[in-house]
Amino acid sequence: MKLAEALKLRADLNTRMSRLRNRLVVNSKVQEGDSPSEDPEELLVELEEVSGQLEELIWRINTTNCSTVDADGRTLTQLIARRDALIQKESILRDLLNSASNRVDRYSRNEIAVHSTVDVREIRRQADALSAEIRRTDNTIQELNWTTELG
């Protein structure tokens, strides 16, 4: 199985876990004389099974991510960490740009003028460069995901 397929399976197992949670909660109580629509004990057995599958799959994905290396010698784990940090940094710069770019209209000369404290053009250039780096890093990750066998 390719790493990308394992990632999809992990998402599916996470969805199953979430649905099992909801089914367990719904069937945890009934009115006197009624019975639950599903047997909570059977759901707990299924939860144990799915949880075990998810744990094994996550372990295999993480092991594969730590041992898979790109052309520059970076592991998938390093690439994912880099991408996640870049995404967060770019988001912060975009928020800064939105705030610094908003003009405050003055209706009279008596109102206080508000000015940006940062170089909007430079911050925009940095944010755009980060976006490009995020795309390149994500492309490398995706390429490795589709060419690497799950360990």
N, C-alpha and C. Protein backbone atom coordinates (compact mmCIF):
# COMPACT_ATOMS: atom_id res chain seq x y z
N MET A 1 0.84 -1.17 0.00
CA MET A 1 0.00 0.00 0.00
C MET A 1 0.90 1.24 0.00
N LYS A 2 0.54 2.19 -0.83
CA LYS A 2 1.27 3.46 -0.89
C LYS A 2 0.92 4.30 0.34
N LEU A 3 1.83 5.17 0.70
CA LEU A 3 1.63 6.04 1.85
C LEU A 3 0.37 6.88 1.69
N ALA A 4 0.13 7.38 0.49
CA ALA A 4 -1.06 8.20 0.25
C ALA A 4 -2.34 7.41 0.52
N GLU A 5 -2.34 6.13 0.16
CA GLU A 5 -3.50 5.28 0.43
C GLU A 5 -3.68 5.09 1.94
N ALA A 6 -2.58 4.93 2.64
CA ALA A 6 -2.63 4.77 4.09
C ALA A 6 -3.18 6.04 4.75
N LEU A 7 -2.83 7.19 4.22
CA LEU A 7 -3.34 8.45 4.77
C LEU A 7 -4.85 8.55 4.58
N LYS A 8 -5.33 8.09 3.44
CA LYS A 8 -6.77 8.09 3.19
C LYS A 8 -7.46 7.10 4.14
N LEU A 9 -6.86 5.94 4.33
CA LEU A 9 -7.42 4.95 5.24
C LEU A 9 -7.45 5.50 6.66
N ARG A 10 -6.41 6.23 7.07
CA ARG A 10 -6.37 6.84 8.40
C ARG A 10 -7.54 7.81 8.56
N ALA A 11 -7.79 8.61 7.54
CA ALA A 11 -8.92 9.55 7.60
C ALA A 11 -10.24 8.79 7.74
N ASP A 12 -10.37 7.70 7.00
CA ASP A 12 -11.59 6.89 7.09
C ASP A 12 -11.75 6.29 8.49
N LEU A 13 -10.66 5.80 9.07
CA LEU A 13 -10.72 5.23 10.41
C LEU A 13 -11.05 6.30 11.45
N ASN A 14 -10.52 7.49 11.28
CA ASN A 14 -10.87 8.60 12.18
C ASN A 14 -12.35 8.93 12.08
N THR A 15 -12.90 8.88 10.87
CA THR A 15 -14.33 9.12 10.68
C THR A 15 -15.14 8.04 11.37
N ARG A 16 -14.71 6.78 11.22
CA ARG A 16 -15.41 5.67 11.89
C ARG A 16 -15.39 5.84 13.40
N MET A 17 -14.23 6.27 13.93
CA MET A 17 -14.12 6.48 15.38
C MET A 17 -15.11 7.56 15.83
N SER A 18 -15.21 8.62 15.08
CA SER A 18 -16.13 9.70 15.42
C SER A 18 -17.57 9.22 15.39
N ARG A 19 -17.90 8.45 14.38
CA ARG A 19 -19.27 7.92 14.28
C ARG A 19 -19.57 6.94 15.41
N LEU A 20 -18.58 6.13 15.76
CA LEU A 20 -18.77 5.21 16.88
C LEU A 20 -19.02 5.99 18.18
N ARG A 21 -18.29 7.07 18.36
CA ARG A 21 -18.51 7.91 19.55
C ARG A 21 -19.96 8.36 19.61
N ASN A 22 -20.45 8.88 18.47
CA ASN A 22 -21.83 9.37 18.43
C ASN A 22 -22.83 8.25 18.68
N ARG A 23 -22.61 7.10 18.07
CA ARG A 23 -23.51 5.96 18.26
C ARG A 23 -23.50 5.47 19.70
N LEU A 24 -22.32 5.46 20.32
CA LEU A 24 -22.24 5.05 21.72
C LEU A 24 -22.98 6.02 22.63
N VAL A 25 -22.80 7.31 22.38
CA VAL A 25 -23.47 8.31 23.21
C VAL A 25 -24.99 8.21 23.05
N VAL A 26 -25.46 8.06 21.82
CA VAL A 26 -26.90 7.97 21.56
C VAL A 26 -27.50 6.74 22.24
N ASN A 27 -26.75 5.66 22.28
CA ASN A 27 -27.27 4.40 22.82
C ASN A 27 -26.86 4.17 24.28
N SER A 28 -26.35 5.17 24.94
CA SER A 28 -25.89 5.00 26.31
C SER A 28 -27.03 5.05 27.34
N LYS A 29 -28.17 5.62 26.96
CA LYS A 29 -29.32 5.73 27.87
C LYS A 29 -30.60 5.49 27.09
N VAL A 30 -31.54 4.87 27.75
CA VAL A 30 -32.89 4.69 27.19
C VAL A 30 -33.90 4.87 28.31
N GLN A 31 -35.10 5.14 27.91
CA GLN A 31 -36.16 5.23 28.91
C GLN A 31 -36.48 3.84 29.43
N GLU A 32 -36.98 3.80 30.63
CA GLU A 32 -37.34 2.53 31.24
C GLU A 32 -38.34 1.81 30.34
N GLY A 33 -38.05 0.55 30.07
CA GLY A 33 -38.92 -0.26 29.22
C GLY A 33 -38.50 -0.27 27.76
N ASP A 34 -37.65 0.66 27.35
CA ASP A 34 -37.16 0.70 25.98
C ASP A 34 -35.82 -0.02 25.89
N SER A 35 -35.40 -0.27 24.68
CA SER A 35 -34.07 -0.84 24.48
C SER A 35 -33.33 0.04 23.47
N PRO A 36 -32.01 0.05 23.57
CA PRO A 36 -31.25 0.89 22.64
C PRO A 36 -31.38 0.36 21.21
N SER A 37 -31.22 1.26 20.24
CA SER A 37 -31.31 0.83 18.84
C SER A 37 -30.10 -0.01 18.45
N GLU A 38 -28.98 0.16 19.16
CA GLU A 38 -27.79 -0.66 18.93
C GLU A 38 -27.25 -1.08 20.29
N ASP A 39 -26.66 -2.25 20.34
CA ASP A 39 -26.10 -2.78 21.58
C ASP A 39 -24.78 -2.07 21.89
N PRO A 40 -24.73 -1.31 22.98
CA PRO A 40 -23.49 -0.60 23.33
C PRO A 40 -22.29 -1.53 23.50
N GLU A 41 -22.52 -2.73 23.98
CA GLU A 41 -21.41 -3.67 24.16
C GLU A 41 -20.80 -4.04 22.80
N GLU A 42 -21.63 -4.24 21.80
CA GLU A 42 -21.13 -4.54 20.45
C GLU A 42 -20.38 -3.32 19.88
N LEU A 43 -20.91 -2.14 20.15
CA LEU A 43 -20.25 -0.93 19.69
C LEU A 43 -18.89 -0.76 20.36
N LEU A 44 -18.80 -1.12 21.63
CA LEU A 44 -17.52 -1.04 22.34
C LEU A 44 -16.50 -2.03 21.77
N VAL A 45 -16.97 -3.20 21.37
CA VAL A 45 -16.09 -4.18 20.73
C VAL A 45 -15.59 -3.61 19.40
N GLU A 46 -16.49 -3.02 18.63
CA GLU A 46 -16.11 -2.40 17.35
C GLU A 46 -15.14 -1.25 17.58
N LEU A 47 -15.38 -0.46 18.62
CA LEU A 47 -14.49 0.65 18.96
C LEU A 47 -13.09 0.13 19.25
N GLU A 48 -12.98 -0.93 20.00
CA GLU A 48 -11.68 -1.52 20.33
C GLU A 48 -10.96 -1.97 19.06
N GLU A 49 -11.69 -2.59 18.16
CA GLU A 49 -11.11 -3.08 16.90
C GLU A 49 -10.63 -1.91 16.02
N VAL A 50 -11.47 -0.93 15.83
CA VAL A 50 -11.12 0.21 14.98
C VAL A 50 -9.98 1.01 15.61
N SER A 51 -10.01 1.17 16.92
CA SER A 51 -8.94 1.88 17.62
C SER A 51 -7.60 1.17 17.42
N GLY A 52 -7.60 -0.15 17.50
CA GLY A 52 -6.37 -0.92 17.28
C GLY A 52 -5.86 -0.76 15.85
N GLN A 53 -6.77 -0.80 14.88
CA GLN A 53 -6.38 -0.61 13.48
C GLN A 53 -5.79 0.78 13.28
N LEU A 54 -6.42 1.78 13.88
CA LEU A 54 -5.94 3.16 13.74
C LEU A 54 -4.56 3.32 14.37
N GLU A 55 -4.38 2.77 15.54
CA GLU A 55 -3.08 2.87 16.22
C GLU A 55 -1.98 2.24 15.36
N GLU A 56 -2.23 1.07 14.83
CA GLU A 56 -1.24 0.37 14.00
C GLU A 56 -0.93 1.19 12.74
N LEU A 57 -1.96 1.73 12.12
CA LEU A 57 -1.77 2.50 10.90
C LEU A 57 -0.99 3.79 11.17
N ILE A 58 -1.33 4.48 12.24
CA ILE A 58 -0.61 5.72 12.58
C ILE A 58 0.86 5.41 12.85
N TRP A 59 1.12 4.33 13.56
CA TRP A 59 2.50 3.94 13.84
C TRP A 59 3.25 3.68 12.54
N ARG A 60 2.63 2.96 11.61
CA ARG A 60 3.28 2.66 10.33
C ARG A 60 3.50 3.93 9.50
N ILE A 61 2.53 4.82 9.50
CA ILE A 61 2.66 6.08 8.76
C ILE A 61 3.81 6.90 9.35
N ASN A 62 3.83 7.03 10.67
CA ASN A 62 4.88 7.83 11.31
C ASN A 62 6.27 7.22 11.07
N THR A 63 6.36 5.90 11.15
CA THR A 63 7.63 5.23 10.89
C THR A 63 8.08 5.48 9.46
N THR A 64 7.16 5.38 8.53
CA THR A 64 7.47 5.63 7.12
C THR A 64 7.87 7.08 6.90
N ASN A 65 7.16 8.01 7.53
CA ASN A 65 7.49 9.44 7.40
C ASN A 65 8.89 9.74 7.92
N CYS A 66 9.29 9.05 8.96
CA CYS A 66 10.63 9.29 9.54
C CYS A 66 11.74 8.70 8.69
N SER A 67 11.43 7.68 7.90
CA SER A 67 12.48 7.02 7.13
C SER A 67 12.49 7.39 5.65
N THR A 68 11.46 8.07 5.17
CA THR A 68 11.39 8.46 3.76
C THR A 68 12.09 9.80 3.57
N VAL A 69 12.99 9.85 2.61
CA VAL A 69 13.82 11.04 2.40
C VAL A 69 13.63 11.56 0.99
N ASP A 70 13.57 12.89 0.85
CA ASP A 70 13.46 13.50 -0.48
C ASP A 70 14.84 13.67 -1.12
N ALA A 71 14.87 14.26 -2.29
CA ALA A 71 16.13 14.43 -3.03
C ALA A 71 17.13 15.31 -2.29
N ASP A 72 16.65 16.18 -1.40
CA ASP A 72 17.54 17.06 -0.65
C ASP A 72 17.94 16.49 0.71
N GLY A 73 17.51 15.25 0.99
CA GLY A 73 17.88 14.60 2.24
C GLY A 73 16.97 14.91 3.42
N ARG A 74 15.83 15.54 3.16
CA ARG A 74 14.89 15.85 4.24
C ARG A 74 13.88 14.72 4.37
N THR A 75 13.57 14.34 5.62
CA THR A 75 12.56 13.31 5.82
C THR A 75 11.17 13.88 5.60
N LEU A 76 10.21 13.00 5.38
CA LEU A 76 8.83 13.46 5.25
C LEU A 76 8.38 14.16 6.52
N THR A 77 8.82 13.67 7.66
CA THR A 77 8.48 14.32 8.93
C THR A 77 8.97 15.76 8.94
N GLN A 78 10.19 15.98 8.48
CA GLN A 78 10.73 17.34 8.42
C GLN A 78 9.93 18.20 7.45
N LEU A 79 9.59 17.63 6.30
CA LEU A 79 8.83 18.38 5.31
C LEU A 79 7.45 18.77 5.83
N ILE A 80 6.79 17.85 6.52
CA ILE A 80 5.47 18.14 7.08
C ILE A 80 5.56 19.22 8.14
N ALA A 81 6.57 19.13 9.00
CA ALA A 81 6.76 20.16 10.03
C ALA A 81 7.02 21.52 9.39
N ARG A 82 7.85 21.53 8.34
CA ARG A 82 8.15 22.79 7.64
C ARG A 82 6.90 23.38 7.02
N ARG A 83 6.14 22.52 6.32
CA ARG A 83 4.91 23.01 5.67
C ARG A 83 3.95 23.57 6.71
N ASP A 84 3.75 22.87 7.82
CA ASP A 84 2.81 23.32 8.84
C ASP A 84 3.24 24.66 9.44
N ALA A 85 4.54 24.81 9.69
CA ALA A 85 5.05 26.07 10.24
C ALA A 85 4.90 27.21 9.23
N LEU A 86 5.18 26.92 7.96
CA LEU A 86 5.04 27.93 6.91
C LEU A 86 3.59 28.36 6.76
N ILE A 87 2.67 27.40 6.83
CA ILE A 87 1.25 27.72 6.71
C ILE A 87 0.82 28.66 7.83
N GLN A 88 1.26 28.36 9.04
CA GLN A 88 0.90 29.22 10.17
C GLN A 88 1.51 30.62 10.02
N LYS A 89 2.76 30.69 9.62
CA LYS A 89 3.42 31.98 9.44
C LYS A 89 2.74 32.79 8.34
N GLU A 90 2.42 32.14 7.24
CA GLU A 90 1.76 32.83 6.13
C GLU A 90 0.39 33.35 6.56
N SER A 91 -0.33 32.57 7.34
CA SER A 91 -1.64 32.99 7.83
C SER A 91 -1.53 34.25 8.69
N ILE A 92 -0.51 34.28 9.54
CA ILE A 92 -0.30 35.45 10.40
C ILE A 92 0.04 36.67 9.56
N LEU A 93 0.91 36.50 8.56
CA LEU A 93 1.25 37.63 7.69
C LEU A 93 0.02 38.12 6.93
N ARG A 94 -0.84 37.21 6.47
CA ARG A 94 -2.06 37.63 5.76
C ARG A 94 -2.99 38.40 6.70
N ASP A 95 -3.09 37.97 7.95
CA ASP A 95 -3.90 38.72 8.92
C ASP A 95 -3.31 40.11 9.15
N LEU A 96 -1.99 40.17 9.26
CA LEU A 96 -1.31 41.47 9.41
C LEU A 96 -1.61 42.36 8.21
N LEU A 97 -1.52 41.79 7.02
CA LEU A 97 -1.81 42.57 5.81
C LEU A 97 -3.24 43.08 5.80
N ASN A 98 -4.18 42.23 6.18
CA ASN A 98 -5.59 42.66 6.21
C ASN A 98 -5.78 43.82 7.17
N SER A 99 -5.13 43.74 8.32
CA SER A 99 -5.26 44.81 9.31
C SER A 99 -4.55 46.08 8.84
N ALA A 100 -3.32 45.94 8.36
CA ALA A 100 -2.53 47.11 7.97
C ALA A 100 -3.07 47.78 6.71
N SER A 101 -3.76 47.04 5.87
CA SER A 101 -4.26 47.58 4.61
C SER A 101 -5.60 48.28 4.75
N ASN A 102 -6.33 48.00 5.82
CA ASN A 102 -7.64 48.63 6.01
C ASN A 102 -7.47 50.12 6.25
N ARG A 103 -8.12 50.86 5.41
CA ARG A 103 -8.05 52.31 5.55
C ARG A 103 -9.13 52.76 6.52
N VAL A 104 -8.77 53.73 7.32
CA VAL A 104 -9.74 54.33 8.24
C VAL A 104 -10.11 55.69 7.66
N ASP A 105 -11.36 55.80 7.27
CA ASP A 105 -11.82 57.05 6.67
C ASP A 105 -11.99 58.12 7.75
N ARG A 106 -11.54 59.32 7.40
CA ARG A 106 -11.73 60.47 8.28
C ARG A 106 -12.82 61.33 7.66
N TYR A 107 -13.71 61.77 8.50
CA TYR A 107 -14.81 62.59 8.01
C TYR A 107 -14.54 64.08 8.19
N SER A 108 -13.55 64.37 8.99
CA SER A 108 -13.16 65.77 9.15
C SER A 108 -11.69 65.84 9.53
N ARG A 109 -11.10 67.00 9.41
CA ARG A 109 -9.68 67.16 9.73
C ARG A 109 -9.43 67.02 11.23
N ASN A 110 -10.49 67.07 12.02
CA ASN A 110 -10.34 66.98 13.47
C ASN A 110 -10.16 65.55 13.95
N GLU A 111 -10.52 64.60 13.13
CA GLU A 111 -10.38 63.20 13.53
C GLU A 111 -8.92 62.78 13.45
N ILE A 112 -8.56 61.83 14.29
CA ILE A 112 -7.18 61.35 14.36
C ILE A 112 -6.88 60.48 13.14
N ALA A 113 -5.75 60.76 12.52
CA ALA A 113 -5.32 59.98 11.35
C ALA A 113 -4.69 58.68 11.83
N VAL A 114 -4.95 57.60 11.11
CA VAL A 114 -4.41 56.29 11.45
C VAL A 114 -3.51 55.85 10.30
N HIS A 115 -2.28 55.40 10.63
CA HIS A 115 -1.31 55.00 9.62
C HIS A 115 -0.82 53.58 9.91
N SER A 116 -0.49 52.88 8.87
CA SER A 116 0.08 51.54 9.01
C SER A 116 1.48 51.64 9.61
N THR A 117 1.81 50.67 10.46
CA THR A 117 3.13 50.67 11.09
C THR A 117 4.10 49.72 10.40
N VAL A 118 3.65 49.07 9.33
CA VAL A 118 4.51 48.12 8.61
C VAL A 118 4.50 48.45 7.13
N ASP A 119 5.52 47.97 6.44
CA ASP A 119 5.62 48.13 4.99
C ASP A 119 4.75 47.06 4.34
N VAL A 120 3.55 47.46 3.92
CA VAL A 120 2.57 46.52 3.39
C VAL A 120 3.10 45.80 2.16
N ARG A 121 3.76 46.52 1.27
CA ARG A 121 4.31 45.88 0.06
C ARG A 121 5.31 44.79 0.41
N GLU A 122 6.18 45.07 1.36
CA GLU A 122 7.20 44.09 1.76
C GLU A 122 6.56 42.87 2.44
N ILE A 123 5.61 43.10 3.29
CA ILE A 123 4.92 41.99 3.97
C ILE A 123 4.17 41.15 2.94
N ARG A 124 3.54 41.81 1.96
CA ARG A 124 2.83 41.07 0.90
C ARG A 124 3.81 40.23 0.09
N ARG A 125 4.98 40.79 -0.22
CA ARG A 125 6.00 40.04 -0.94
C ARG A 125 6.42 38.81 -0.14
N GLN A 126 6.63 38.99 1.16
CA GLN A 126 7.01 37.87 2.02
C GLN A 126 5.91 36.80 2.07
N ALA A 127 4.66 37.24 2.20
CA ALA A 127 3.54 36.29 2.25
C ALA A 127 3.42 35.52 0.94
N ASP A 128 3.60 36.22 -0.17
CA ASP A 128 3.53 35.54 -1.47
C ASP A 128 4.66 34.53 -1.63
N ALA A 129 5.85 34.89 -1.15
CA ALA A 129 6.99 33.96 -1.21
C ALA A 129 6.73 32.74 -0.34
N LEU A 130 6.12 32.95 0.81
CA LEU A 130 5.76 31.82 1.68
C LEU A 130 4.74 30.92 1.00
N SER A 131 3.77 31.50 0.34
CA SER A 131 2.76 30.71 -0.38
C SER A 131 3.42 29.82 -1.42
N ALA A 132 4.38 30.37 -2.15
CA ALA A 132 5.09 29.59 -3.16
C ALA A 132 5.88 28.46 -2.51
N GLU A 133 6.53 28.74 -1.40
CA GLU A 133 7.30 27.72 -0.68
C GLU A 133 6.39 26.63 -0.13
N ILE A 134 5.22 27.01 0.35
CA ILE A 134 4.24 26.04 0.84
C ILE A 134 3.83 25.10 -0.30
N ARG A 135 3.55 25.68 -1.48
CA ARG A 135 3.15 24.86 -2.64
C ARG A 135 4.27 23.88 -3.02
N ARG A 136 5.52 24.38 -3.08
CA ARG A 136 6.64 23.50 -3.44
C ARG A 136 6.81 22.38 -2.41
N THR A 137 6.74 22.73 -1.15
CA THR A 137 6.90 21.74 -0.09
C THR A 137 5.76 20.73 -0.13
N ASP A 138 4.55 21.21 -0.32
CA ASP A 138 3.40 20.31 -0.39
C ASP A 138 3.50 19.39 -1.61
N ASN A 139 3.97 19.91 -2.73
CA ASN A 139 4.15 19.07 -3.92
C ASN A 139 5.16 17.95 -3.65
N THR A 140 6.23 18.27 -2.96
CA THR A 140 7.23 17.25 -2.61
C THR A 140 6.62 16.20 -1.70
N ILE A 141 5.85 16.65 -0.71
CA ILE A 141 5.19 15.71 0.20
C ILE A 141 4.25 14.80 -0.57
N GLN A 142 3.43 15.39 -1.44
CA GLN A 142 2.46 14.59 -2.21
C GLN A 142 3.17 13.59 -3.12
N GLU A 143 4.25 14.02 -3.76
CA GLU A 143 5.01 13.12 -4.62
C GLU A 143 5.53 11.93 -3.81
N LEU A 144 6.09 12.21 -2.65
CA LEU A 144 6.61 11.13 -1.81
C LEU A 144 5.47 10.23 -1.31
N ASN A 145 4.33 10.82 -0.99
CA ASN A 145 3.19 10.03 -0.52
C ASN A 145 2.73 9.02 -1.58
N TRP A 146 2.79 9.41 -2.84
CA TRP A 146 2.29 8.54 -3.91
C TRP A 146 3.36 7.59 -4.46
N THR A 147 4.61 7.78 -4.07
CA THR A 147 5.67 6.90 -4.58
C THR A 147 6.28 6.04 -3.50
N THR A 148 5.89 6.23 -2.26
CA THR A 148 6.50 5.50 -1.14
C THR A 148 5.56 4.41 -0.67
N GLU A 149 6.10 3.22 -0.50
CA GLU A 149 5.35 2.12 0.10
C GLU A 149 5.30 2.29 1.61
N LEU A 150 4.16 1.98 2.18
CA LEU A 150 3.99 2.07 3.63
C LEU A 150 4.88 1.01 4.29
N GLY A 151 5.63 1.43 5.30
CA GLY A 151 6.54 0.53 6.00
C GLY A 151 5.82 -0.35 7.00
